[in-house]
Protein backbone atom coordinates (compact mmCIF):
# COMPACT_ATOMS: atom_id res chain seq x y z
CA MET A 1 74.82 -127.84 -33.28
CA ARG A 2 75.51 -131.44 -34.37
CA ARG A 3 72.62 -133.50 -35.79
CA PHE A 4 72.80 -137.39 -35.45
CA PHE A 5 69.89 -138.30 -37.63
CA LYS A 6 68.84 -136.62 -40.99
CA MET A 7 66.25 -134.38 -40.58
CA VAL A 8 64.83 -133.58 -43.68
CA PRO A 9 62.73 -131.54 -44.32
CA PHE A 10 63.62 -129.21 -41.71
CA LEU A 11 61.53 -126.12 -40.93
CA GLU A 12 63.18 -123.52 -38.38
CA ILE A 13 61.90 -120.22 -37.48
CA GLU A 14 64.51 -117.48 -35.83
CA ASP A 15 63.50 -114.48 -33.91
CA HIS A 16 59.60 -114.95 -34.94
CA ARG A 17 60.36 -113.42 -38.28
CA THR A 18 62.88 -115.92 -40.34
CA LEU A 19 61.81 -118.98 -41.61
CA ARG A 20 64.51 -121.28 -42.80
CA LEU A 21 63.15 -124.40 -45.07
CA ASN A 22 65.56 -127.48 -45.88
CA GLY A 23 64.31 -130.55 -47.89
CA SER A 24 61.91 -131.24 -50.42
CA PHE A 25 58.62 -128.69 -50.98
CA SER A 26 56.96 -126.97 -53.17
CA VAL A 27 55.70 -123.02 -53.27
CA GLU A 28 52.02 -122.94 -53.77
CA LYS A 29 51.64 -119.19 -53.49
CA ILE A 30 53.93 -116.13 -52.83
CA GLY A 31 52.21 -112.87 -52.58
CA GLY A 32 52.34 -109.16 -51.17
CA ARG A 33 51.70 -110.62 -47.43
CA ALA A 34 51.37 -114.50 -47.60
CA VAL A 35 53.37 -117.20 -48.60
CA ASN A 36 51.55 -120.98 -49.07
CA ILE A 37 54.15 -123.91 -49.07
CA ARG A 38 53.58 -127.67 -49.48
CA ILE A 39 55.98 -130.05 -47.57
CA ALA A 40 53.94 -133.54 -47.88
CA PRO A 41 52.09 -134.21 -46.18
CA TYR A 42 51.72 -130.95 -44.61
CA ALA A 43 50.60 -127.37 -46.16
CA LEU A 44 52.06 -124.40 -44.51
CA SER A 45 50.57 -121.09 -44.97
CA LEU A 46 52.55 -117.77 -43.34
CA GLU A 47 51.02 -114.32 -43.22
CA GLY A 48 52.57 -110.90 -42.35
CA GLU A 49 54.03 -107.62 -42.80
CA GLU A 50 57.03 -106.68 -45.22
CA LEU A 51 57.45 -110.29 -47.00
CA VAL A 52 61.06 -110.77 -48.61
CA VAL A 53 61.97 -114.24 -50.05
CA ASP A 54 65.83 -113.96 -49.26
CA GLU A 55 66.50 -117.11 -50.90
CA ILE A 56 64.93 -120.23 -52.68
CA GLY A 57 65.82 -123.12 -54.41
CA GLU A 58 64.72 -126.72 -55.22
CA GLU A 59 65.75 -127.81 -51.53
CA ALA A 60 66.21 -124.61 -49.73
CA ALA A 61 64.16 -121.41 -48.82
CA LEU A 62 65.08 -118.35 -46.68
CA ILE A 63 61.71 -116.04 -45.99
CA THR A 64 61.80 -113.01 -43.70
CA PHE A 65 58.93 -111.25 -42.45
CA GLY A 66 59.01 -107.76 -40.88
CA ARG A 67 56.45 -108.77 -38.56
CA LEU A 68 54.88 -112.40 -38.79
CA ASP A 69 50.92 -112.26 -37.98
CA ARG A 70 49.91 -116.28 -38.74
CA MET A 71 51.44 -119.43 -39.21
CA THR A 72 49.29 -122.34 -40.06
CA LEU A 73 50.61 -125.72 -40.36
CA ILE A 74 47.65 -128.18 -41.82
CA ARG A 75 48.03 -131.96 -42.14
CA THR A 76 46.34 -132.96 -45.28
CA ARG A 77 44.25 -135.84 -46.13
CA ASP A 78 46.68 -137.11 -48.84
CA HIS A 79 49.38 -138.33 -46.40
CA ALA A 80 50.64 -141.99 -46.36
CA ASP A 81 49.73 -143.71 -43.12
């Protein structure tokens, strides 16, 4: 796939189980069943079974669930409009 515009942050969900994230973000919490990520101006919460953090770095993450049960994306009040 060819991208003509810079798309950062970039969030991709593959096969309803794998989350690929590129760009500036911060991990708020990682637990046995859930992960909370802050991608300004959004807060992303993922819950499911068999959470595995395959890769995580300053501007990239790959997170896999055996089964993704819930994904919540909320625009926070501290956004710059």
